[in-house]
Amino acid sequence: MNTIYTLTVTEDQAGTRLDKYLSDAIDGISRARCQQLLEESCVARRGIPIRSASGKVKAGETYIVNVPEVKVLELTPEKIPLDVVFEDEHLLIINKAPGMTVHPAPGAQSGTLVHALLAHCGETLSGIGGVARPGIVHRIDKDTSGLLVVAKNDAAHQSLSAQLKDRTLSRTYICYVWGALTPREGEIDAPIARNPRMRKQMAVVEGGKHALTFYETLDQYIPKSSINPVASKVMCQLDTGRTHQIRVHMAHRKCQLIGDALYGTAPGTRFNRMRSSHSVIPQETLLSLTGFHRQALHALELALIHPFSGEEMLFSCPIPADLETLERTLLSLTNRA
């Protein structure tokens, strides 16, 4: 059954954007959901549907808001083991395993994090975006491991999304890249958009969306009898959250992530280049490095403010076993092994 709200603008609410006014006036409905309701002609003034979210409300105006009944997500819950770092009635912090897709897509109709969360959360989910589903606040790529926050209700989702926008929700990653960044620490401020020549890729493109990554080199792996690092361990903190941001920014600086099949050099080509420039590296080690099976990227830390208690929370999880093995392999090249 639909829920009908009749809302009259007061003097102190006048001048507010319509989408913000609606989200403030209706408990448990996010601003994004209000924008969706406007687009679907579910908001009317004097009997006329209003579609513009940016219009300013005036004192004395009355809005009728027709909120449709929450739809059940047509996915079958799957009991997939999850590494839960934290959970309460409002949010979940998950340490996502590499290889797990977050959202269902044409090539991933089962076995996704969403399928697992539907089974894990059961009846606790609310109508985020008009659909009963877990609220994925931010994504990480299928082959990236590490921390991900999930909202269990619309109010938590709204709060966490706002934190993501105003940078009070911060994400820190560890990655292993080929070569060495110069300088060893700094920022990469380069706009990102769809690659106009390769549509499956993102790229640094003039006029793209603002993208800013702060980085610090934690270690460099310099082979014995050499002066040039074959690879580096880098910590990255995202100021923005563009698709594939770290992968694109590292590739832009010619330091592609180890194992990155989309933005890196083909393994065979990489092997031949490394063999010619680092002849001191054993062939077995080269094959191990160039054949690493995924992008070497891990979401290490997640900091946020709890949507209801206001508590500042910091979560961290160690790098998984495959990255530990990769680091040991890189260390074996050096005089520190």
Protein backbone atom coordinates (compact mmCIF):
# COMPACT_ATOMS: atom_id res chain seq x y z
CA MET A 1 0.00 0.00 0.00
CA ASN A 2 1.28 3.46 -0.91
CA THR A 3 1.89 6.04 1.81
CA ILE A 4 0.61 9.59 1.23
CA TYR A 5 2.25 12.59 2.92
CA THR A 6 0.78 16.10 2.98
CA LEU A 7 3.52 18.63 3.70
CA THR A 8 3.17 22.40 4.15
CA VAL A 9 6.28 24.61 4.02
CA THR A 10 6.89 26.78 7.09
CA GLU A 11 8.62 30.17 7.15
CA ASP A 12 11.90 28.73 8.40
CA GLN A 13 11.90 26.08 5.65
CA ALA A 14 11.40 28.57 2.82
CA GLY A 15 14.23 28.78 0.29
CA THR A 16 15.30 25.14 0.74
CA ARG A 17 15.81 22.93 -2.33
CA LEU A 18 12.74 20.76 -2.85
CA ASP A 19 14.60 17.43 -2.63
CA LYS A 20 16.26 18.46 0.64
CA TYR A 21 12.99 19.80 2.05
CA LEU A 22 11.26 16.50 1.31
CA SER A 23 14.02 14.34 2.79
CA ASP A 24 14.07 16.50 5.94
CA ALA A 25 10.29 16.37 6.26
CA ILE A 26 9.82 12.62 5.74
CA ASP A 27 11.56 10.35 8.22
CA GLY A 28 13.67 7.54 6.79
CA ILE A 29 13.69 8.72 3.16
CA SER A 30 16.98 9.82 1.64
CA ARG A 31 17.52 12.80 -0.61
CA ALA A 32 18.38 10.46 -3.48
CA ARG A 33 15.08 8.63 -2.95
CA CYS A 34 13.23 11.98 -2.98
CA GLN A 35 14.88 12.83 -6.29
CA GLN A 36 13.68 9.48 -7.62
CA LEU A 37 10.13 10.20 -6.42
CA LEU A 38 10.21 13.56 -8.19
CA GLU A 39 11.40 11.94 -11.43
CA GLU A 40 8.54 9.42 -11.17
CA SER A 41 5.94 12.23 -10.75
CA CYS A 42 5.12 11.15 -7.20
CA VAL A 43 5.26 14.72 -5.85
CA ALA A 44 2.53 17.26 -6.64
CA ARG A 45 1.76 20.89 -5.81
CA ARG A 46 -1.77 22.16 -6.41
CA GLY A 47 -2.48 18.89 -8.23
CA ILE A 48 0.37 19.32 -10.71
CA PRO A 49 3.34 16.88 -10.60
CA ILE A 50 6.66 18.55 -9.78
CA ARG A 51 9.79 16.99 -11.28
CA SER A 52 12.53 19.54 -10.56
CA ALA A 53 14.56 18.66 -7.46
CA SER A 54 16.46 21.96 -7.43
CA GLY A 55 13.51 24.33 -7.19
CA LYS A 56 13.22 26.33 -3.94
CA VAL A 57 10.15 25.88 -1.75
CA LYS A 58 8.08 28.84 -0.54
CA ALA A 59 6.31 29.34 2.77
CA GLY A 60 2.69 28.19 2.68
CA GLU A 61 3.10 25.84 -0.27
CA THR A 62 1.63 22.36 0.20
CA TYR A 63 3.12 19.25 -1.41
CA ILE A 64 1.42 15.87 -1.73
CA VAL A 65 3.98 13.04 -1.77
CA ASN A 66 2.90 9.57 -2.86
CA VAL A 67 5.52 7.04 -1.70
CA PRO A 68 5.02 3.64 -3.37
CA GLU A 69 5.16 0.47 -1.32
CA VAL A 70 8.65 -0.97 -1.06
CA LYS A 71 9.29 -3.58 -3.74
CA VAL A 72 10.94 -6.86 -2.91
CA LEU A 73 14.23 -7.30 -4.75
CA GLU A 74 13.84 -10.18 -7.20
CA LEU A 75 17.04 -11.96 -6.25
CA THR A 76 17.42 -15.24 -4.43
CA PRO A 77 19.40 -14.87 -1.18
CA GLU A 78 22.50 -17.08 -1.12
CA LYS A 79 24.18 -18.30 2.05
CA ILE A 80 27.72 -17.27 1.14
CA PRO A 81 30.20 -16.94 4.02
CA LEU A 82 31.06 -13.32 4.82
CA ASP A 83 33.96 -11.95 6.84
CA VAL A 84 32.02 -9.53 9.05
CA VAL A 85 34.30 -7.01 10.78
CA PHE A 86 31.48 -5.11 12.52
CA GLU A 87 27.69 -5.28 12.61
CA ASP A 88 24.82 -3.61 14.42
CA GLU A 89 21.22 -2.79 13.50
CA HIS A 90 22.30 0.08 11.23
CA LEU A 91 25.40 -0.97 9.33
CA LEU A 92 27.77 -3.75 8.36
CA ILE A 93 31.50 -3.60 7.72
CA ILE A 94 32.63 -6.43 5.45
CA ASN A 95 36.13 -7.61 4.57
CA LYS A 96 35.38 -8.58 0.97
CA ALA A 97 37.31 -11.46 -0.51
CA PRO A 98 38.98 -10.95 -3.90
CA GLY A 99 36.97 -12.44 -6.74
CA MET A 100 33.54 -11.54 -5.32
CA THR A 101 31.45 -9.16 -7.42
CA VAL A 102 29.56 -6.56 -5.38
CA HIS A 103 26.42 -6.02 -7.49
CA PRO A 104 24.63 -8.40 -9.85
CA ALA A 105 25.45 -7.67 -13.48
CA PRO A 106 24.97 -9.41 -16.85
CA GLY A 107 28.08 -11.52 -16.25
CA ALA A 108 27.39 -12.12 -12.55
CA GLN A 109 23.82 -13.19 -11.85
CA SER A 110 24.69 -15.15 -8.70
CA GLY A 111 27.34 -15.35 -6.02
CA THR A 112 27.57 -11.58 -5.53
CA LEU A 113 27.92 -9.67 -2.29
CA VAL A 114 24.32 -8.47 -2.66
CA HIS A 115 23.09 -12.09 -2.82
CA ALA A 116 25.12 -12.89 0.31
CA LEU A 117 23.83 -9.83 2.17
CA LEU A 118 20.21 -10.63 1.39
CA ALA A 119 20.70 -13.97 3.12
CA HIS A 120 22.76 -12.53 5.98
CA CYS A 121 20.45 -9.62 6.81
CA GLY A 122 17.13 -11.36 6.29
CA GLU A 123 14.19 -9.21 7.37
CA THR A 124 16.32 -6.35 8.74
CA LEU A 125 16.66 -4.57 5.38
CA SER A 126 14.56 -1.50 4.63
CA GLY A 127 13.40 0.12 1.41
CA ILE A 128 16.59 1.80 0.23
CA GLY A 129 15.75 3.54 -3.05
CA GLY A 130 12.28 2.01 -2.99
CA VAL A 131 13.61 -1.56 -3.06
CA ALA A 132 14.25 -3.86 -0.11
CA ARG A 133 17.97 -4.46 -0.57
CA PRO A 134 21.26 -3.90 1.23
CA GLY A 135 22.58 -0.39 0.75
CA ILE A 136 26.02 -0.54 -0.84
CA VAL A 137 27.42 2.88 0.05
CA HIS A 138 30.57 2.56 -2.05
CA ARG A 139 31.92 -0.17 -4.31
CA ILE A 140 35.21 -1.93 -4.69
CA ASP A 141 36.13 -3.89 -7.79
CA LYS A 142 35.57 -7.63 -8.04
CA ASP A 143 39.27 -8.46 -7.74
CA THR A 144 40.02 -5.87 -5.05
CA SER A 145 39.96 -7.15 -1.48
CA GLY A 146 39.18 -5.39 1.76
CA LEU A 147 36.76 -3.21 3.66
CA LEU A 148 33.32 -2.18 2.45
CA VAL A 149 30.51 -0.49 4.40
CA VAL A 150 26.88 -1.53 3.93
CA ALA A 151 23.84 0.40 5.21
CA LYS A 152 21.00 -1.70 6.63
CA ASN A 153 18.39 1.05 6.52
CA ASP A 154 17.65 4.18 4.52
CA ALA A 155 18.63 6.63 7.25
CA ALA A 156 22.03 5.00 7.67
CA HIS A 157 22.50 4.99 3.91
CA GLN A 158 21.68 8.70 3.71
CA SER A 159 24.14 9.52 6.51
CA LEU A 160 26.98 7.43 5.09
CA SER A 161 26.44 8.76 1.57
CA ALA A 162 26.67 12.32 2.95
CA GLN A 163 29.89 11.40 4.77
CA LEU A 164 31.29 10.01 1.55
CA LYS A 165 30.45 13.26 -0.19
CA ASP A 166 31.92 15.56 2.48
CA ARG A 167 35.01 13.34 3.02
CA THR A 168 34.27 12.41 6.64
CA LEU A 169 34.12 8.79 5.45
CA SER A 170 37.68 8.00 4.44
CA ARG A 171 39.20 4.99 2.68
CA THR A 172 42.83 3.92 2.70
CA TYR A 173 44.25 1.32 0.32
CA ILE A 174 47.47 -0.63 -0.06
CA CYS A 175 48.68 -1.46 -3.56
CA TYR A 176 51.75 -2.97 -5.20
CA VAL A 177 52.82 -1.24 -8.40
CA TRP A 178 55.49 -1.75 -11.02
CA GLY A 179 58.44 0.65 -10.80
CA ALA A 180 58.55 3.65 -8.50
CA LEU A 181 56.52 6.82 -8.12
CA THR A 182 58.31 10.16 -8.28
CA PRO A 183 58.16 11.85 -5.86
CA ARG A 184 57.81 9.09 -3.28
CA GLU A 185 54.72 10.76 -1.81
CA GLY A 186 52.28 13.37 -2.96
CA GLU A 187 48.97 13.62 -4.76
CA ILE A 188 47.59 12.77 -8.17
CA ASP A 189 45.00 15.32 -9.21
CA ALA A 190 43.80 14.19 -12.63
CA PRO A 191 40.20 14.07 -13.98
CA ILE A 192 38.75 10.67 -14.89
CA ALA A 193 36.17 9.74 -17.51
CA ARG A 194 35.33 6.85 -19.81
CA ASN A 195 38.23 6.12 -22.17
CA PRO A 196 36.99 7.38 -25.56
CA ARG A 197 39.00 4.72 -27.42
CA MET A 198 38.48 1.72 -25.10
CA ARG A 199 35.00 1.80 -23.58
CA LYS A 200 35.71 -0.86 -20.94
CA GLN A 201 38.38 1.37 -19.43
CA MET A 202 38.38 4.62 -17.55
CA ALA A 203 41.17 7.11 -18.25
CA VAL A 204 42.58 10.48 -17.32
CA VAL A 205 40.60 12.71 -19.69
CA GLU A 206 40.52 16.48 -19.92
CA GLY A 207 37.06 17.60 -18.84
CA GLY A 208 36.43 14.38 -16.89
CA LYS A 209 35.20 14.23 -13.29
CA HIS A 210 37.50 15.62 -10.62
CA ALA A 211 39.62 12.83 -9.11
CA LEU A 212 42.20 13.24 -6.35
CA THR A 213 44.37 10.51 -4.81
CA PHE A 214 46.92 11.04 -2.03
CA TYR A 215 49.74 8.49 -1.98
CA GLU A 216 52.80 7.52 0.03
CA THR A 217 55.45 4.98 -0.97
CA LEU A 218 55.91 2.57 1.94
CA ASP A 219 58.59 0.37 0.37
CA GLN A 220 60.61 -0.10 -2.81
CA TYR A 221 61.87 -3.47 -4.00
CA ILE A 222 65.30 -3.03 -5.55
CA PRO A 223 66.90 -6.22 -6.91
CA LYS A 224 70.39 -7.13 -5.79
CA SER A 225 73.06 -5.57 -8.01
CA SER A 226 70.56 -2.98 -9.30
CA ILE A 227 69.66 0.62 -8.47
CA ASN A 228 66.17 0.68 -9.96
CA PRO A 229 63.10 -0.58 -8.08
CA VAL A 230 61.24 -3.35 -9.85
CA ALA A 231 58.14 -2.57 -7.79
CA SER A 232 56.83 -0.49 -4.88
CA LYS A 233 54.35 -0.83 -2.04
CA VAL A 234 52.12 2.25 -1.96
CA MET A 235 49.45 3.52 0.43
CA CYS A 236 46.66 5.51 -1.23
CA GLN A 237 43.90 7.59 0.32
CA LEU A 238 40.94 8.56 -1.82
CA ASP A 239 39.65 12.11 -1.69
CA THR A 240 37.15 11.29 -4.44
CA GLY A 241 35.64 7.97 -5.46
CA ARG A 242 35.76 7.59 -9.23
CA THR A 243 35.48 4.23 -10.96
CA HIS A 244 38.87 2.43 -10.91
CA GLN A 245 40.43 5.62 -9.52
CA ILE A 246 43.62 4.17 -7.99
CA ARG A 247 44.18 1.84 -10.94
CA VAL A 248 43.75 4.69 -13.44
CA HIS A 249 45.91 7.17 -11.50
CA MET A 250 48.74 4.65 -11.05
CA ALA A 251 48.62 3.77 -14.76
CA HIS A 252 48.63 7.48 -15.58
CA ARG A 253 51.93 7.75 -13.68
CA LYS A 254 53.31 4.70 -15.52
CA CYS A 255 53.21 2.61 -12.34
CA GLN A 256 50.46 0.13 -13.16
CA LEU A 257 49.24 -2.17 -10.41
CA ILE A 258 50.82 -5.61 -10.43
CA GLY A 259 48.33 -8.08 -11.87
CA ASP A 260 46.04 -5.44 -13.39
CA ALA A 261 44.79 -7.08 -16.57
CA LEU A 262 42.75 -4.03 -17.64
CA TYR A 263 45.26 -1.23 -17.18
CA GLY A 264 48.57 -3.10 -17.07
CA THR A 265 50.87 -4.49 -19.73
CA ALA A 266 50.14 -8.02 -20.97
CA PRO A 267 51.99 -10.57 -18.78
CA GLY A 268 54.14 -11.87 -21.63
CA THR A 269 55.21 -8.38 -22.66
CA ARG A 270 55.87 -7.41 -19.05
CA PHE A 271 57.95 -10.58 -18.53
CA ASN A 272 60.13 -9.86 -21.58
CA ARG A 273 60.69 -6.24 -20.57
CA MET A 274 61.61 -7.19 -17.02
CA ARG A 275 63.90 -10.00 -18.19
CA SER A 276 65.85 -7.57 -20.36
CA SER A 277 66.04 -4.78 -17.76
CA HIS A 278 66.47 -6.96 -14.65
CA SER A 279 68.60 -9.88 -15.81
CA VAL A 280 69.58 -10.56 -12.17
CA ILE A 281 66.02 -11.65 -11.33
CA PRO A 282 65.47 -15.44 -11.50
CA GLN A 283 63.11 -16.48 -14.28
CA GLU A 284 60.84 -18.35 -11.85
CA THR A 285 60.42 -15.18 -9.79
CA LEU A 286 59.69 -13.12 -12.90
CA LEU A 287 57.00 -15.57 -13.95
CA SER A 288 55.45 -15.41 -10.47
CA LEU A 289 55.32 -11.61 -10.52
CA THR A 290 54.09 -11.14 -14.09
CA GLY A 291 51.50 -13.90 -13.65
CA PHE A 292 49.94 -12.52 -10.45
CA HIS A 293 46.23 -13.28 -10.83
CA ARG A 294 44.52 -10.02 -9.83
CA GLN A 295 45.20 -6.33 -9.36
CA ALA A 296 47.31 -6.04 -6.21
CA LEU A 297 44.94 -3.70 -4.39
CA HIS A 298 43.49 -3.98 -0.88
CA ALA A 299 41.11 -1.70 1.02
CA LEU A 300 43.08 -1.55 4.27
CA GLU A 301 41.27 1.02 6.45
CA LEU A 302 37.84 2.60 6.68
CA ALA A 303 37.00 5.56 8.93
CA LEU A 304 33.48 6.86 9.45
CA ILE A 305 31.07 8.45 11.92
CA HIS A 306 28.35 6.11 13.14
CA PRO A 307 25.07 7.31 11.59
CA PHE A 308 23.18 7.26 14.91
CA SER A 309 25.61 7.29 17.84
CA GLY A 310 27.94 9.88 16.30
CA GLU A 311 30.93 7.79 17.37
CA GLU A 312 34.08 8.09 15.26
CA MET A 313 34.96 4.58 14.10
CA LEU A 314 38.11 3.21 12.47
CA PHE A 315 38.29 -0.27 10.97
CA SER A 316 41.27 -2.07 9.48
CA CYS A 317 41.99 -5.52 8.09
CA PRO A 318 45.32 -7.13 7.19
CA ILE A 319 46.32 -7.84 3.62
CA PRO A 320 45.15 -11.28 2.44
CA ALA A 321 47.38 -14.30 1.93
CA ASP A 322 47.95 -13.78 -1.81
CA LEU A 323 49.31 -10.26 -1.24
CA GLU A 324 51.47 -11.51 1.63
CA THR A 325 52.96 -14.06 -0.79
CA LEU A 326 53.47 -11.35 -3.40
CA GLU A 327 55.30 -9.16 -0.87
CA ARG A 328 57.55 -12.06 0.17
CA THR A 329 58.38 -12.67 -3.49
CA LEU A 330 59.30 -9.02 -3.96
CA LEU A 331 61.41 -9.02 -0.79
CA SER A 332 63.25 -12.11 -2.03
CA LEU A 333 64.72 -9.94 -4.79
CA THR A 334 66.36 -7.57 -2.36
CA ASN A 335 69.27 -7.68 0.06
CA ARG A 336 66.73 -7.63 2.94
CA ALA A 337 65.30 -11.09 2.26
